[in-house]
Amino acid sequence: MRLLAALGLLLAGAVTAVATVAVHELVWGFVLAVAATSMTVLALPPGWWSRLAFVVGWVAMVGWLTVPRPEGDYLVSQDWQGYAVLGLGMVLLVVGLATLPRPRGPATGAP
């Protein structure tokens, strides 16, 4: 069940990233995209299969969309909004990794 949830959240992160890149040049679109993405990440429970799956989908799609197209142009603009989208990706990745649950140590039972 967790694998299915992780795949769904990976896809949801990728779709959210496409929407973010599509509207990031408009100031109201940029603000809406940052707010929606940030609130979604904070609303998801921390873990490998939930928050990190969404973040990896988002960052991977933004990374893929920053590659130049065959015509020589870019989908992510080279202005403050474009750099802020890339910075948001770095912040999301740090938050996703920093909020992972701590690994369980060995059980301290009978010797």
PDB file of N, CA and C in Angstrom:
ATOM      1  N   MET A   1       0.809  -1.190   0.000  1.00  0.00           N
ATOM      2  CA  MET A   1       0.000   0.000   0.000  1.00  0.00           C
ATOM      3  C   MET A   1       0.862   1.268   0.000  1.00  0.00           C
ATOM      4  N   ARG A   2       1.971   1.206   0.758  1.00  0.00           N
ATOM      5  CA  ARG A   2       2.855   2.377   0.793  1.00  0.00           C
ATOM      6  C   ARG A   2       3.513   2.629  -0.558  1.00  0.00           C
ATOM      7  N   LEU A   3       3.815   1.571  -1.277  1.00  0.00           N
ATOM      8  CA  LEU A   3       4.418   1.734  -2.598  1.00  0.00           C
ATOM      9  C   LEU A   3       3.458   2.450  -3.541  1.00  0.00           C
ATOM     10  N   LEU A   4       2.194   2.101  -3.488  1.00  0.00           N
ATOM     11  CA  LEU A   4       1.192   2.753  -4.322  1.00  0.00           C
ATOM     12  C   LEU A   4       1.036   4.221  -3.941  1.00  0.00           C
ATOM     13  N   ALA A   5       1.047   4.504  -2.637  1.00  0.00           N
ATOM     14  CA  ALA A   5       0.972   5.895  -2.178  1.00  0.00           C
ATOM     15  C   ALA A   5       2.196   6.682  -2.621  1.00  0.00           C
ATOM     16  N   ALA A   6       3.376   6.057  -2.533  1.00  0.00           N
ATOM     17  CA  ALA A   6       4.606   6.737  -2.947  1.00  0.00           C
ATOM     18  C   ALA A   6       4.578   7.045  -4.441  1.00  0.00           C
ATOM     19  N   LEU A   7       4.105   6.113  -5.258  1.00  0.00           N
ATOM     20  CA  LEU A   7       4.023   6.365  -6.699  1.00  0.00           C
ATOM     21  C   LEU A   7       3.015   7.468  -7.015  1.00  0.00           C
ATOM     22  N   GLY A   8       1.895   7.470  -6.315  1.00  0.00           N
ATOM     23  CA  GLY A   8       0.903   8.524  -6.513  1.00  0.00           C
ATOM     24  C   GLY A   8       1.434   9.885  -6.120  1.00  0.00           C
ATOM     25  N   LEU A   9       2.153   9.950  -4.995  1.00  0.00           N
ATOM     26  CA  LEU A   9       2.718  11.227  -4.560  1.00  0.00           C
ATOM     27  C   LEU A   9       3.874  11.668  -5.453  1.00  0.00           C
ATOM     28  N   LEU A  10       4.614  10.722  -6.001  1.00  0.00           N
ATOM     29  CA  LEU A  10       5.662  11.052  -6.964  1.00  0.00           C
ATOM     30  C   LEU A  10       5.046  11.698  -8.206  1.00  0.00           C
ATOM     31  N   LEU A  11       3.961  11.120  -8.675  1.00  0.00           N
ATOM     32  CA  LEU A  11       3.251  11.682  -9.822  1.00  0.00           C
ATOM     33  C   LEU A  11       2.629  13.030  -9.487  1.00  0.00           C
ATOM     34  N   ALA A  12       2.050  13.159  -8.300  1.00  0.00           N
ATOM     35  CA  ALA A  12       1.456  14.438  -7.883  1.00  0.00           C
ATOM     36  C   ALA A  12       2.518  15.530  -7.787  1.00  0.00           C
ATOM     37  N   GLY A  13       3.701  15.187  -7.297  1.00  0.00           N
ATOM     38  CA  GLY A  13       4.792  16.160  -7.247  1.00  0.00           C
ATOM     39  C   GLY A  13       5.227  16.596  -8.628  1.00  0.00           C
ATOM     40  N   ALA A  14       5.288  15.658  -9.561  1.00  0.00           N
ATOM     41  CA  ALA A  14       5.673  15.995 -10.934  1.00  0.00           C
ATOM     42  C   ALA A  14       4.632  16.901 -11.590  1.00  0.00           C
ATOM     43  N   VAL A  15       3.359  16.607 -11.380  1.00  0.00           N
ATOM     44  CA  VAL A  15       2.296  17.434 -11.961  1.00  0.00           C
ATOM     45  C   VAL A  15       2.307  18.834 -11.338  1.00  0.00           C
ATOM     46  N   THR A  16       2.541  18.910 -10.040  1.00  0.00           N
ATOM     47  CA  THR A  16       2.624  20.212  -9.371  1.00  0.00           C
ATOM     48  C   THR A  16       3.809  21.011  -9.904  1.00  0.00           C
ATOM     49  N   ALA A  17       4.910  20.352 -10.192  1.00  0.00           N
ATOM     50  CA  ALA A  17       6.081  21.040 -10.740  1.00  0.00           C
ATOM     51  C   ALA A  17       5.796  21.580 -12.136  1.00  0.00           C
ATOM     52  N   VAL A  18       5.090  20.815 -12.949  1.00  0.00           N
ATOM     53  CA  VAL A  18       4.729  21.294 -14.293  1.00  0.00           C
ATOM     54  C   VAL A  18       3.854  22.541 -14.174  1.00  0.00           C
ATOM     55  N   ALA A  19       2.902  22.516 -13.253  1.00  0.00           N
ATOM     56  CA  ALA A  19       2.038  23.687 -13.049  1.00  0.00           C
ATOM     57  C   ALA A  19       2.846  24.877 -12.533  1.00  0.00           C
ATOM     58  N   THR A  20       3.807  24.624 -11.662  1.00  0.00           N
ATOM     59  CA  THR A  20       4.651  25.709 -11.137  1.00  0.00           C
ATOM     60  C   THR A  20       5.463  26.354 -12.256  1.00  0.00           C
ATOM     61  N   VAL A  21       6.069  25.543 -13.099  1.00  0.00           N
ATOM     62  CA  VAL A  21       6.870  26.079 -14.205  1.00  0.00           C
ATOM     63  C   VAL A  21       5.982  26.813 -15.203  1.00  0.00           C
ATOM     64  N   ALA A  22       4.754  26.344 -15.375  1.00  0.00           N
ATOM     65  CA  ALA A  22       3.853  26.979 -16.340  1.00  0.00           C
ATOM     66  C   ALA A  22       3.444  28.386 -15.929  1.00  0.00           C
ATOM     67  N   VAL A  23       3.320  28.641 -14.625  1.00  0.00           N
ATOM     68  CA  VAL A  23       2.818  29.955 -14.183  1.00  0.00           C
ATOM     69  C   VAL A  23       3.850  30.778 -13.434  1.00  0.00           C
ATOM     70  N   HIS A  24       5.105  30.347 -13.395  1.00  0.00           N
ATOM     71  CA  HIS A  24       6.072  31.060 -12.560  1.00  0.00           C
ATOM     72  C   HIS A  24       6.441  32.443 -13.081  1.00  0.00           C
ATOM     73  N   GLU A  25       6.191  32.746 -14.327  1.00  0.00           N
ATOM     74  CA  GLU A  25       6.542  34.071 -14.854  1.00  0.00           C
ATOM     75  C   GLU A  25       5.551  35.151 -14.425  1.00  0.00           C
ATOM     76  N   LEU A  26       4.333  34.773 -14.112  1.00  0.00           N
ATOM     77  CA  LEU A  26       3.346  35.715 -13.591  1.00  0.00           C
ATOM     78  C   LEU A  26       3.534  35.819 -12.084  1.00  0.00           C
ATOM     79  N   VAL A  27       3.528  37.029 -11.561  1.00  0.00           N
ATOM     80  CA  VAL A  27       3.794  37.204 -10.133  1.00  0.00           C
ATOM     81  C   VAL A  27       2.739  36.485  -9.300  1.00  0.00           C
ATOM     82  N   TRP A  28       1.471  36.637  -9.627  1.00  0.00           N
ATOM     83  CA  TRP A  28       0.426  35.958  -8.858  1.00  0.00           C
ATOM     84  C   TRP A  28       0.524  34.441  -9.033  1.00  0.00           C
ATOM     85  N   GLY A  29       0.923  33.974 -10.201  1.00  0.00           N
ATOM     86  CA  GLY A  29       1.102  32.547 -10.429  1.00  0.00           C
ATOM     87  C   GLY A  29       2.266  31.992  -9.639  1.00  0.00           C
ATOM     88  N   PHE A  30       3.335  32.775  -9.560  1.00  0.00           N
ATOM     89  CA  PHE A  30       4.494  32.362  -8.789  1.00  0.00           C
ATOM     90  C   PHE A  30       4.149  32.240  -7.312  1.00  0.00           C
ATOM     91  N   VAL A  31       3.459  33.243  -6.783  1.00  0.00           N
ATOM     92  CA  VAL A  31       3.076  33.224  -5.369  1.00  0.00           C
ATOM     93  C   VAL A  31       2.149  32.047  -5.088  1.00  0.00           C
ATOM     94  N   LEU A  32       1.185  31.821  -5.971  1.00  0.00           N
ATOM     95  CA  LEU A  32       0.265  30.704  -5.797  1.00  0.00           C
ATOM     96  C   LEU A  32       0.990  29.364  -5.868  1.00  0.00           C
ATOM     97  N   ALA A  33       1.908  29.220  -6.801  1.00  0.00           N
ATOM     98  CA  ALA A  33       2.649  27.964  -6.949  1.00  0.00           C
ATOM     99  C   ALA A  33       3.527  27.686  -5.733  1.00  0.00           C
ATOM    100  N   VAL A  34       4.211  28.706  -5.244  1.00  0.00           N
ATOM    101  CA  VAL A  34       5.063  28.528  -4.063  1.00  0.00           C
ATOM    102  C   VAL A  34       4.216  28.186  -2.843  1.00  0.00           C
ATOM    103  N   ALA A  35       3.100  28.875  -2.672  1.00  0.00           N
ATOM    104  CA  ALA A  35       2.238  28.609  -1.518  1.00  0.00           C
ATOM    105  C   ALA A  35       1.641  27.207  -1.592  1.00  0.00           C
ATOM    106  N   ALA A  36       1.155  26.812  -2.755  1.00  0.00           N
ATOM    107  CA  ALA A  36       0.539  25.485  -2.889  1.00  0.00           C
ATOM    108  C   ALA A  36       1.559  24.374  -2.683  1.00  0.00           C
ATOM    109  N   THR A  37       2.732  24.538  -3.258  1.00  0.00           N
ATOM    110  CA  THR A  37       3.761  23.513  -3.107  1.00  0.00           C
ATOM    111  C   THR A  37       4.237  23.422  -1.664  1.00  0.00           C
ATOM    112  N   SER A  38       4.492  24.551  -1.047  1.00  0.00           N
ATOM    113  CA  SER A  38       4.984  24.559   0.334  1.00  0.00           C
ATOM    114  C   SER A  38       3.957  23.982   1.299  1.00  0.00           C
ATOM    115  N   MET A  39       2.709  24.374   1.150  1.00  0.00           N
ATOM    116  CA  MET A  39       1.671  23.873   2.047  1.00  0.00           C
ATOM    117  C   MET A  39       1.439  22.370   1.857  1.00  0.00           C
ATOM    118  N   THR A  40       1.558  21.895   0.623  1.00  0.00           N
ATOM    119  CA  THR A  40       1.412  20.460   0.382  1.00  0.00           C
ATOM    120  C   THR A  40       2.530  19.690   1.059  1.00  0.00           C
ATOM    121  N   VAL A  41       3.750  20.168   0.945  1.00  0.00           N
ATOM    122  CA  VAL A  41       4.880  19.481   1.575  1.00  0.00           C
ATOM    123  C   VAL A  41       4.731  19.485   3.095  1.00  0.00           C
ATOM    124  N   LEU A  42       4.299  20.601   3.655  1.00  0.00           N
ATOM    125  CA  LEU A  42       4.148  20.665   5.105  1.00  0.00           C
ATOM    126  C   LEU A  42       2.954  19.844   5.594  1.00  0.00           C
ATOM    127  N   ALA A  43       1.942  19.669   4.769  1.00  0.00           N
ATOM    128  CA  ALA A  43       0.760  18.903   5.171  1.00  0.00           C
ATOM    129  C   ALA A  43       1.009  17.398   5.109  1.00  0.00           C
ATOM    130  N   LEU A  44       1.919  16.962   4.268  1.00  0.00           N
ATOM    131  CA  LEU A  44       2.206  15.526   4.161  1.00  0.00           C
ATOM    132  C   LEU A  44       2.999  15.065   5.382  1.00  0.00           C
ATOM    133  N   PRO A  45       2.728  13.852   5.849  1.00  0.00           N
ATOM    134  CA  PRO A  45       3.506  13.358   6.988  1.00  0.00           C
ATOM    135  C   PRO A  45       4.940  13.061   6.563  1.00  0.00           C
ATOM    136  N   PRO A  46       5.903  13.308   7.460  1.00  0.00           N
ATOM    137  CA  PRO A  46       7.288  13.022   7.096  1.00  0.00           C
ATOM    138  C   PRO A  46       7.502  11.524   6.895  1.00  0.00           C
ATOM    139  N   GLY A  47       8.292  11.206   5.914  1.00  0.00           N
ATOM    140  CA  GLY A  47       8.603   9.800   5.668  1.00  0.00           C
ATOM    141  C   GLY A  47       9.066   9.579   4.243  1.00  0.00           C
ATOM    142  N   TRP A  48       9.646   8.398   4.031  1.00  0.00           N
ATOM    143  CA  TRP A  48      10.157   8.030   2.714  1.00  0.00           C
ATOM    144  C   TRP A  48       9.041   7.930   1.694  1.00  0.00           C
ATOM    145  N   TRP A  49       7.918   7.405   2.089  1.00  0.00           N
ATOM    146  CA  TRP A  49       6.844   7.099   1.152  1.00  0.00           C
ATOM    147  C   TRP A  49       5.868   8.249   0.978  1.00  0.00           C
ATOM    148  N   SER A  50       5.972   9.304   1.759  1.00  0.00           N
ATOM    149  CA  SER A  50       4.990  10.395   1.663  1.00  0.00           C
ATOM    150  C   SER A  50       5.649  11.705   1.246  1.00  0.00           C
ATOM    151  N   ARG A  51       6.202  12.424   2.200  1.00  0.00           N
ATOM    152  CA  ARG A  51       6.754  13.751   1.911  1.00  0.00           C
ATOM    153  C   ARG A  51       7.920  13.687   0.936  1.00  0.00           C
ATOM    154  N   LEU A  52       8.825  12.766   1.155  1.00  0.00           N
ATOM    155  CA  LEU A  52      10.007  12.687   0.292  1.00  0.00           C
ATOM    156  C   LEU A  52       9.639  12.258  -1.125  1.00  0.00           C
ATOM    157  N   ALA A  53       8.641  11.405  -1.273  1.00  0.00           N
ATOM    158  CA  ALA A  53       8.208  10.991  -2.614  1.00  0.00           C
ATOM    159  C   ALA A  53       7.667  12.189  -3.391  1.00  0.00           C
ATOM    160  N   PHE A  54       6.856  13.026  -2.751  1.00  0.00           N
ATOM    161  CA  PHE A  54       6.328  14.223  -3.400  1.00  0.00           C
ATOM    162  C   PHE A  54       7.466  15.165  -3.793  1.00  0.00           C
ATOM    163  N   VAL A  55       8.387  15.386  -2.867  1.00  0.00           N
ATOM    164  CA  VAL A  55       9.501  16.307  -3.108  1.00  0.00           C
ATOM    165  C   VAL A  55      10.394  15.799  -4.245  1.00  0.00           C
ATOM    166  N   VAL A  56      10.680  14.515  -4.263  1.00  0.00           N
ATOM    167  CA  VAL A  56      11.525  13.951  -5.329  1.00  0.00           C
ATOM    168  C   VAL A  56      10.829  14.096  -6.677  1.00  0.00           C
ATOM    169  N   GLY A  57       9.531  13.853  -6.735  1.00  0.00           N
ATOM    170  CA  GLY A  57       8.791  14.046  -7.986  1.00  0.00           C
ATOM    171  C   GLY A  57       8.831  15.485  -8.446  1.00  0.00           C
ATOM    172  N   TRP A  58       8.688  16.425  -7.512  1.00  0.00           N
ATOM    173  CA  TRP A  58       8.691  17.852  -7.841  1.00  0.00           C
ATOM    174  C   TRP A  58      10.073  18.275  -8.342  1.00  0.00           C
ATOM    175  N   VAL A  59      11.105  17.927  -7.590  1.00  0.00           N
ATOM    176  CA  VAL A  59      12.472  18.346  -7.949  1.00  0.00           C
ATOM    177  C   VAL A  59      12.927  17.688  -9.249  1.00  0.00           C
ATOM    178  N   ALA A  60      12.599  16.428  -9.442  1.00  0.00           N
ATOM    179  CA  ALA A  60      12.998  15.741 -10.668  1.00  0.00           C
ATOM    180  C   ALA A  60      12.340  16.372 -11.892  1.00  0.00           C
ATOM    181  N   MET A  61      11.070  16.727 -11.782  1.00  0.00           N
ATOM    182  CA  MET A  61      10.386  17.333 -12.926  1.00  0.00           C
ATOM    183  C   MET A  61      10.922  18.734 -13.208  1.00  0.00           C
ATOM    184  N   VAL A  62      11.155  19.533 -12.178  1.00  0.00           N
ATOM    185  CA  VAL A  62      11.726  20.869 -12.409  1.00  0.00           C
ATOM    186  C   VAL A  62      13.123  20.734 -13.006  1.00  0.00           C
ATOM    187  N   GLY A  63      13.895  19.785 -12.525  1.00  0.00           N
ATOM    188  CA  GLY A  63      15.224  19.553 -13.104  1.00  0.00           C
ATOM    189  C   GLY A  63      15.149  19.160 -14.562  1.00  0.00           C
ATOM    190  N   TRP A  64      14.192  18.313 -14.905  1.00  0.00           N
ATOM    191  CA  TRP A  64      14.035  17.899 -16.288  1.00  0.00           C
ATOM    192  C   TRP A  64      13.555  19.061 -17.162  1.00  0.00           C
ATOM    193  N   LEU A  65      12.725  19.923 -16.608  1.00  0.00           N
ATOM    194  CA  LEU A  65      12.209  21.055 -17.389  1.00  0.00           C
ATOM    195  C   LEU A  65      13.228  22.186 -17.541  1.00  0.00           C
ATOM    196  N   THR A  66      14.314  22.176 -16.779  1.00  0.00           N
ATOM    197  CA  THR A  66      15.325  23.226 -16.926  1.00  0.00           C
ATOM    198  C   THR A  66      16.314  22.941 -18.050  1.00  0.00           C
ATOM    199  N   VAL A  67      16.297  21.744 -18.571  1.00  0.00           N
ATOM    200  CA  VAL A  67      17.190  21.399 -19.689  1.00  0.00           C
ATOM    201  C   VAL A  67      16.735  22.183 -20.923  1.00  0.00           C
ATOM    202  N   PRO A  68      17.674  22.768 -21.678  1.00  0.00           N
ATOM    203  CA  PRO A  68      17.272  23.539 -22.857  1.00  0.00           C
ATOM    204  C   PRO A  68      16.540  22.682 -23.885  1.00  0.00           C
ATOM    205  N   ARG A  69      15.567  23.293 -24.507  1.00  0.00           N
ATOM    206  CA  ARG A  69      14.806  22.596 -25.543  1.00  0.00           C
ATOM    207  C   ARG A  69      15.580  22.628 -26.848  1.00  0.00           C
ATOM    208  N   PRO A  70      15.191  21.824 -27.854  1.00  0.00           N
ATOM    209  CA  PRO A  70      15.930  21.778 -29.125  1.00  0.00           C
ATOM    210  C   PRO A  70      15.991  23.135 -29.834  1.00  0.00           C
ATOM    211  N   GLU A  71      15.004  23.984 -29.594  1.00  0.00           N
ATOM    212  CA  GLU A  71      15.008  25.301 -30.230  1.00  0.00           C
ATOM    213  C   GLU A  71      16.012  26.250 -29.589  1.00  0.00           C
ATOM    214  N   GLY A  72      16.558  25.867 -28.432  1.00  0.00           N
ATOM    215  CA  GLY A  72      17.535  26.700 -27.754  1.00  0.00           C
ATOM    216  C   GLY A  72      16.960  27.545 -26.643  1.00  0.00           C
ATOM    217  N   ASP A  73      15.651  27.483 -26.405  1.00  0.00           N
ATOM    218  CA  ASP A  73      15.070  28.284 -25.328  1.00  0.00           C
ATOM    219  C   ASP A  73      14.832  27.418 -24.096  1.00  0.00           C
ATOM    220  N   TYR A  74      14.455  28.076 -23.003  1.00  0.00           N
ATOM    221  CA  TYR A  74      14.276  27.415 -21.718  1.00  0.00           C
ATOM    222  C   TYR A  74      12.834  27.589 -21.250  1.00  0.00           C
ATOM    223  N   LEU A  75      12.353  26.641 -20.461  1.00  0.00           N
ATOM    224  CA  LEU A  75      11.030  26.777 -19.861  1.00  0.00           C
ATOM    225  C   LEU A  75      11.080  27.559 -18.561  1.00  0.00           C
ATOM    226  N   VAL A  76      12.205  27.490 -17.863  1.00  0.00           N
ATOM    227  CA  VAL A  76      12.375  28.246 -16.629  1.00  0.00           C
ATOM    228  C   VAL A  76      13.115  29.526 -16.983  1.00  0.00           C
ATOM    229  N   SER A  77      12.488  30.646 -16.703  1.00  0.00           N
ATOM    230  CA  SER A  77      13.063  31.927 -17.104  1.00  0.00           C
ATOM    231  C   SER A  77      14.305  32.260 -16.286  1.00  0.00           C
ATOM    232  N   GLN A  78      15.143  33.112 -16.864  1.00  0.00           N
ATOM    233  CA  GLN A  78      16.371  33.520 -16.201  1.00  0.00           C
ATOM    234  C   GLN A  78      16.185  34.877 -15.547  1.00  0.00           C
ATOM    235  N   ASP A  79      15.206  34.944 -14.656  1.00  0.00           N
ATOM    236  CA  ASP A  79      14.967  36.146 -13.868  1.00  0.00           C
ATOM    237  C   ASP A  79      14.742  35.709 -12.429  1.00  0.00           C
ATOM    238  N   TRP A  80      14.297  36.617 -11.598  1.00  0.00           N
ATOM    239  CA  TRP A  80      14.172  36.281 -10.185  1.00  0.00           C
ATOM    240  C   TRP A  80      13.158  35.167  -9.938  1.00  0.00           C
ATOM    241  N   GLN A  81      12.100  35.096 -10.751  1.00  0.00           N
ATOM    242  CA  GLN A  81      11.119  34.035 -10.551  1.00  0.00           C
ATOM    243  C   GLN A  81      11.714  32.658 -10.890  1.00  0.00           C
ATOM    244  N   GLY A  82      12.480  32.592 -11.975  1.00  0.00           N
ATOM    245  CA  GLY A  82      13.088  31.324 -12.362  1.00  0.00           C
ATOM    246  C   GLY A  82      14.095  30.841 -11.339  1.00  0.00           C
ATOM    247  N   TYR A  83      14.935  31.754 -10.865  1.00  0.00           N
ATOM    248  CA  TYR A  83      15.906  31.366  -9.846  1.00  0.00           C
ATOM    249  C   TYR A  83      15.219  31.034  -8.524  1.00  0.00           C
ATOM    250  N   ALA A  84      14.115  31.697  -8.238  1.00  0.00           N
ATOM    251  CA  ALA A  84      13.366  31.378  -7.018  1.00  0.00           C
ATOM    252  C   ALA A  84      12.737  29.987  -7.104  1.00  0.00           C
ATOM    253  N   VAL A  85      12.293  29.576  -8.294  1.00  0.00           N
ATOM    254  CA  VAL A  85      11.755  28.219  -8.462  1.00  0.00           C
ATOM    255  C   VAL A  85      12.860  27.194  -8.216  1.00  0.00           C
ATOM    256  N   LEU A  86      14.043  27.443  -8.745  1.00  0.00           N
ATOM    257  CA  LEU A  86      15.165  26.531  -8.502  1.00  0.00           C
ATOM    258  C   LEU A  86      15.559  26.515  -7.023  1.00  0.00           C
ATOM    259  N   GLY A  87      15.535  27.686  -6.390  1.00  0.00           N
ATOM    260  CA  GLY A  87      15.818  27.760  -4.953  1.00  0.00           C
ATOM    261  C   GLY A  87      14.761  27.043  -4.130  1.00  0.00           C
ATOM    262  N   LEU A  88      13.513  27.153  -4.553  1.00  0.00           N
ATOM    263  CA  LEU A  88      12.437  26.435  -3.864  1.00  0.00           C
ATOM    264  C   LEU A  88      12.670  24.936  -3.938  1.00  0.00           C
ATOM    265  N   GLY A  89      13.144  24.463  -5.071  1.00  0.00           N
ATOM    266  CA  GLY A  89      13.452  23.047  -5.202  1.00  0.00           C
ATOM    267  C   GLY A  89      14.522  22.603  -4.216  1.00  0.00           C
ATOM    268  N   MET A  90      15.541  23.426  -4.029  1.00  0.00           N
ATOM    269  CA  MET A  90      16.594  23.085  -3.073  1.00  0.00           C
ATOM    270  C   MET A  90      16.049  23.077  -1.647  1.00  0.00           C
ATOM    271  N   VAL A  91      15.221  24.072  -1.317  1.00  0.00           N
ATOM    272  CA  VAL A  91      14.634  24.130   0.023  1.00  0.00           C
ATOM    273  C   VAL A  91      13.733  22.925   0.264  1.00  0.00           C
ATOM    274  N   LEU A  92      12.926  22.567  -0.723  1.00  0.00           N
ATOM    275  CA  LEU A  92      12.041  21.411  -0.575  1.00  0.00           C
ATOM    276  C   LEU A  92      12.839  20.133  -0.370  1.00  0.00           C
ATOM    277  N   LEU A  93      13.926  19.989  -1.094  1.00  0.00           N
ATOM    278  CA  LEU A  93      14.756  18.791  -0.951  1.00  0.00           C
ATOM    279  C   LEU A  93      15.380  18.719   0.442  1.00  0.00           C
ATOM    280  N   VAL A  94      15.843  19.842   0.943  1.00  0.00           N
ATOM    281  CA  VAL A  94      16.419  19.869   2.294  1.00  0.00           C
ATOM    282  C   VAL A  94      15.351  19.545   3.328  1.00  0.00           C
ATOM    283  N   VAL A  95      14.162  20.132   3.194  1.00  0.00           N
ATOM    284  CA  VAL A  95      13.081  19.860   4.147  1.00  0.00           C
ATOM    285  C   VAL A  95      12.661  18.393   4.073  1.00  0.00           C
ATOM    286  N   GLY A  96      12.550  17.864   2.870  1.00  0.00           N
ATOM    287  CA  GLY A  96      12.159  16.470   2.714  1.00  0.00           C
ATOM    288  C   GLY A  96      13.148  15.509   3.351  1.00  0.00           C
ATOM    289  N   LEU A  97      14.430  15.794   3.198  1.00  0.00           N
ATOM    290  CA  LEU A  97      15.453  14.919   3.780  1.00  0.00           C
ATOM    291  C   LEU A  97      15.632  15.159   5.279  1.00  0.00           C
ATOM    292  N   ALA A  98      15.538  16.407   5.706  1.00  0.00           N
ATOM    293  CA  ALA A  98      15.768  16.725   7.120  1.00  0.00           C
ATOM    294  C   ALA A  98      14.645  16.233   8.019  1.00  0.00           C
ATOM    295  N   THR A  99      13.462  16.058   7.479  1.00  0.00           N
ATOM    296  CA  THR A  99      12.345  15.636   8.315  1.00  0.00           C
ATOM    297  C   THR A  99      12.069  14.138   8.244  1.00  0.00           C
ATOM    298  N   LEU A 100      12.987  13.383   7.664  1.00  0.00           N
ATOM    299  CA  LEU A 100      12.822  11.930   7.665  1.00  0.00           C
ATOM    300  C   LEU A 100      12.900  11.413   9.096  1.00  0.00           C
ATOM    301  N   PRO A 101      12.136  10.371   9.413  1.00  0.00           N
ATOM    302  CA  PRO A 101      12.209   9.811  10.769  1.00  0.00           C
ATOM    303  C   PRO A 101      13.602   9.256  11.053  1.00  0.00           C
ATOM    304  N   ARG A 102      13.993   9.349  12.295  1.00  0.00           N
ATOM    305  CA  ARG A 102      15.300   8.828  12.685  1.00  0.00           C
ATOM    306  C   ARG A 102      15.308   7.320  12.597  1.00  0.00           C
ATOM    307  N   PRO A 103      16.430   6.736  12.177  1.00  0.00           N
ATOM    308  CA  PRO A 103      16.492   5.275  12.133  1.00  0.00           C
ATOM    309  C   PRO A 103      16.454   4.692  13.544  1.00  0.00           C
ATOM    310  N   ARG A 104      15.834   3.555  13.645  1.00  0.00           N
ATOM    311  CA  ARG A 104      15.742   2.890  14.939  1.00  0.00           C
ATOM    312  C   ARG A 104      17.059   2.183  15.225  1.00  0.00           C
ATOM    313  N   GLY A 105      17.498   2.335  16.435  1.00  0.00           N
ATOM    314  CA  GLY A 105      18.726   1.661  16.851  1.00  0.00           C
ATOM    315  C   GLY A 105      18.451   0.213  17.216  1.00  0.00           C
ATOM    316  N   PRO A 106      19.472  -0.523  17.543  1.00  0.00           N
ATOM    317  CA  PRO A 106      19.270  -1.923  17.954  1.00  0.00           C
ATOM    318  C   PRO A 106      18.468  -1.981  19.250  1.00  0.00           C
ATOM    319  N   ALA A 107      17.650  -2.994  19.363  1.00  0.00           N
ATOM    320  CA  ALA A 107      16.839  -3.157  20.564  1.00  0.00           C
ATOM    321  C   ALA A 107      17.739  -3.461  21.747  1.00  0.00           C
ATOM    322  N   THR A 108      17.481  -2.774  22.833  1.00  0.00           N
ATOM    323  CA  THR A 108      18.280  -3.006  24.040  1.00  0.00           C
ATOM    324  C   THR A 108      17.520  -3.966  24.932  1.00  0.00           C
ATOM    325  N   GLY A 109      17.665  -5.214  24.616  1.00  0.00           N
ATOM    326  CA  GLY A 109      16.968  -6.245  25.377  1.00  0.00           C
ATOM    327  C   GLY A 109      17.936  -7.023  26.262  1.00  0.00           C
ATOM    328  N   ALA A 110      17.595  -8.248  26.516  1.00  0.00           N
ATOM    329  CA  ALA A 110      18.438  -9.114  27.343  1.00  0.00           C
ATOM    330  C   ALA A 110      19.715  -9.463  26.588  1.00  0.00           C
ATOM    331  N   PRO A 111      20.828  -9.579  27.301  1.00  0.00           N
ATOM    332  CA  PRO A 111      22.110  -9.890  26.652  1.00  0.00           C
ATOM    333  C   PRO A 111      22.191 -11.261  26.092  1.00  0.00           C
TER     334      PRO A 111
END
